[in-house]
Amino acid sequence: MKVSYLRLWKLLLDKSMKRIDLAKAAGISSTTLAKLGRDEYISMESMSKICRTLHCRIQDIMEFVEYTD
Protein backbone atom coordinates (compact mmCIF):
# COMPACT_ATOMS: atom_id res chain seq x y z
CA MET A 1 0.00 0.00 0.00
CA LYS A 2 1.00 3.56 -0.50
CA VAL A 3 -0.18 6.82 0.97
CA SER A 4 -2.15 9.51 -0.86
CA TYR A 5 -2.62 13.11 0.25
CA LEU A 6 -5.17 13.97 -2.43
CA ARG A 7 -7.70 14.67 0.35
CA LEU A 8 -5.32 17.24 1.81
CA TRP A 9 -4.99 19.10 -1.49
CA LYS A 10 -8.77 19.14 -1.93
CA LEU A 11 -9.20 20.45 1.61
CA LEU A 12 -6.68 23.22 0.96
CA LEU A 13 -8.62 24.23 -2.16
CA ASP A 14 -11.84 24.34 -0.14
CA LYS A 15 -10.12 26.59 2.40
CA SER A 16 -8.50 28.75 -0.33
CA MET A 17 -5.05 27.94 1.03
CA LYS A 18 -1.83 27.37 -0.85
CA ARG A 19 0.68 24.70 0.12
CA ILE A 20 3.15 27.28 1.35
CA ASP A 21 0.40 28.85 3.50
CA LEU A 22 -0.14 25.46 5.13
CA ALA A 23 3.58 25.01 5.76
CA LYS A 24 3.84 28.40 7.47
CA ALA A 25 0.65 28.03 9.52
CA ALA A 26 1.41 24.47 10.63
CA GLY A 27 5.12 25.02 11.20
CA ILE A 28 6.22 22.21 8.88
CA SER A 29 9.39 22.29 6.83
CA SER A 30 9.73 22.64 3.07
CA THR A 31 11.13 19.09 3.09
CA THR A 32 7.93 17.79 4.66
CA LEU A 33 5.87 19.76 2.17
CA ALA A 34 7.88 18.20 -0.67
CA LYS A 35 7.27 14.71 0.76
CA LEU A 36 3.55 15.43 0.86
CA GLY A 37 3.70 16.46 -2.79
CA ARG A 38 5.37 13.16 -3.68
CA ASP A 39 2.90 11.10 -1.59
CA GLU A 40 5.66 9.94 0.75
CA TYR A 41 5.31 9.13 4.42
CA ILE A 42 5.77 11.95 6.92
CA SER A 43 6.05 11.90 10.71
CA MET A 44 3.05 11.69 12.96
CA GLU A 45 4.20 14.94 14.54
CA SER A 46 3.85 16.69 11.18
CA MET A 47 0.47 15.03 10.59
CA SER A 48 -0.67 16.28 13.99
CA LYS A 49 0.45 19.83 13.22
CA ILE A 50 -1.44 19.79 9.92
CA CYS A 51 -4.60 18.42 11.54
CA ARG A 52 -4.50 20.99 14.34
CA THR A 53 -4.00 23.78 11.82
CA LEU A 54 -6.83 22.65 9.54
CA HIS A 55 -9.11 21.50 12.40
CA CYS A 56 -9.55 18.06 10.88
CA ARG A 57 -8.79 14.39 11.44
CA ILE A 58 -6.01 12.38 9.80
CA GLN A 59 -8.48 10.51 7.61
CA ASP A 60 -9.63 13.88 6.25
CA ILE A 61 -6.21 14.55 4.73
CA MET A 62 -4.71 11.18 3.81
CA GLU A 63 -5.59 7.65 2.85
CA PHE A 64 -3.87 4.42 2.01
CA VAL A 65 -4.31 3.20 -1.57
CA GLU A 66 -3.41 -0.01 -3.35
CA TYR A 67 -0.49 0.01 -5.74
CA THR A 68 -1.61 0.03 -9.35
CA ASP A 69 1.14 -1.05 -11.71
C-alpha atoms as a PDB file:
ATOM      1  CA  MET A   1       0.000   0.000   0.000  1.00  0.00           C
ATOM      2  CA  LYS A   2       1.004   3.559  -0.496  1.00  0.00           C
ATOM      3  CA  VAL A   3      -0.184   6.825   0.973  1.00  0.00           C
ATOM      4  CA  SER A   4      -2.149   9.512  -0.861  1.00  0.00           C
ATOM      5  CA  TYR A   5      -2.615  13.107   0.246  1.00  0.00           C
ATOM      6  CA  LEU A   6      -5.170  13.969  -2.427  1.00  0.00           C
ATOM      7  CA  ARG A   7      -7.698  14.666   0.347  1.00  0.00           C
ATOM      8  CA  LEU A   8      -5.320  17.243   1.809  1.00  0.00           C
ATOM      9  CA  TRP A   9      -4.991  19.102  -1.494  1.00  0.00           C
ATOM     10  CA  LYS A  10      -8.769  19.138  -1.933  1.00  0.00           C
ATOM     11  CA  LEU A  11      -9.204  20.453   1.613  1.00  0.00           C
ATOM     12  CA  LEU A  12      -6.684  23.219   0.962  1.00  0.00           C
ATOM     13  CA  LEU A  13      -8.625  24.225  -2.160  1.00  0.00           C
ATOM     14  CA  ASP A  14     -11.837  24.335  -0.136  1.00  0.00           C
ATOM     15  CA  LYS A  15     -10.116  26.595   2.404  1.00  0.00           C
ATOM     16  CA  SER A  16      -8.497  28.748  -0.328  1.00  0.00           C
ATOM     17  CA  MET A  17      -5.047  27.940   1.034  1.00  0.00           C
ATOM     18  CA  LYS A  18      -1.827  27.367  -0.851  1.00  0.00           C
ATOM     19  CA  ARG A  19       0.675  24.697   0.119  1.00  0.00           C
ATOM     20  CA  ILE A  20       3.150  27.278   1.348  1.00  0.00           C
ATOM     21  CA  ASP A  21       0.401  28.852   3.500  1.00  0.00           C
ATOM     22  CA  LEU A  22      -0.139  25.463   5.130  1.00  0.00           C
ATOM     23  CA  ALA A  23       3.583  25.014   5.762  1.00  0.00           C
ATOM     24  CA  LYS A  24       3.838  28.395   7.470  1.00  0.00           C
ATOM     25  CA  ALA A  25       0.652  28.033   9.515  1.00  0.00           C
ATOM     26  CA  ALA A  26       1.406  24.467  10.631  1.00  0.00           C
ATOM     27  CA  GLY A  27       5.116  25.015  11.201  1.00  0.00           C
ATOM     28  CA  ILE A  28       6.224  22.208   8.884  1.00  0.00           C
ATOM     29  CA  SER A  29       9.394  22.286   6.828  1.00  0.00           C
ATOM     30  CA  SER A  30       9.729  22.636   3.074  1.00  0.00           C
ATOM     31  CA  THR A  31      11.125  19.094   3.091  1.00  0.00           C
ATOM     32  CA  THR A  32       7.931  17.787   4.662  1.00  0.00           C
ATOM     33  CA  LEU A  33       5.874  19.760   2.172  1.00  0.00           C
ATOM     34  CA  ALA A  34       7.881  18.203  -0.673  1.00  0.00           C
ATOM     35  CA  LYS A  35       7.273  14.713   0.757  1.00  0.00           C
ATOM     36  CA  LEU A  36       3.548  15.427   0.860  1.00  0.00           C
ATOM     37  CA  GLY A  37       3.697  16.464  -2.788  1.00  0.00           C
ATOM     38  CA  ARG A  38       5.365  13.156  -3.677  1.00  0.00           C
ATOM     39  CA  ASP A  39       2.902  11.097  -1.595  1.00  0.00           C
ATOM     40  CA  GLU A  40       5.659   9.944   0.748  1.00  0.00           C
ATOM     41  CA  TYR A  41       5.305   9.128   4.419  1.00  0.00           C
ATOM     42  CA  ILE A  42       5.769  11.955   6.924  1.00  0.00           C
ATOM     43  CA  SER A  43       6.052  11.900  10.708  1.00  0.00           C
ATOM     44  CA  MET A  44       3.048  11.686  12.963  1.00  0.00           C
ATOM     45  CA  GLU A  45       4.205  14.943  14.541  1.00  0.00           C
ATOM     46  CA  SER A  46       3.848  16.687  11.181  1.00  0.00           C
ATOM     47  CA  MET A  47       0.468  15.030  10.586  1.00  0.00           C
ATOM     48  CA  SER A  48      -0.665  16.276  13.987  1.00  0.00           C
ATOM     49  CA  LYS A  49       0.455  19.829  13.223  1.00  0.00           C
ATOM     50  CA  ILE A  50      -1.440  19.795   9.925  1.00  0.00           C
ATOM     51  CA  CYS A  51      -4.600  18.418  11.540  1.00  0.00           C
ATOM     52  CA  ARG A  52      -4.503  20.989  14.338  1.00  0.00           C
ATOM     53  CA  THR A  53      -4.000  23.785  11.821  1.00  0.00           C
ATOM     54  CA  LEU A  54      -6.831  22.648   9.539  1.00  0.00           C
ATOM     55  CA  HIS A  55      -9.105  21.505  12.401  1.00  0.00           C
ATOM     56  CA  CYS A  56      -9.547  18.063  10.882  1.00  0.00           C
ATOM     57  CA  ARG A  57      -8.794  14.386  11.444  1.00  0.00           C
ATOM     58  CA  ILE A  58      -6.011  12.378   9.804  1.00  0.00           C
ATOM     59  CA  GLN A  59      -8.476  10.512   7.610  1.00  0.00           C
ATOM     60  CA  ASP A  60      -9.633  13.881   6.247  1.00  0.00           C
ATOM     61  CA  ILE A  61      -6.212  14.553   4.726  1.00  0.00           C
ATOM     62  CA  MET A  62      -4.714  11.178   3.811  1.00  0.00           C
ATOM     63  CA  GLU A  63      -5.590   7.647   2.845  1.00  0.00           C
ATOM     64  CA  PHE A  64      -3.872   4.418   2.007  1.00  0.00           C
ATOM     65  CA  VAL A  65      -4.309   3.201  -1.572  1.00  0.00           C
ATOM     66  CA  GLU A  66      -3.413  -0.007  -3.352  1.00  0.00           C
ATOM     67  CA  TYR A  67      -0.486   0.007  -5.744  1.00  0.00           C
ATOM     68  CA  THR A  68      -1.606   0.034  -9.352  1.00  0.00           C
ATOM     69  CA  ASP A  69       1.143  -1.050 -11.710  1.00  0.00           C
END
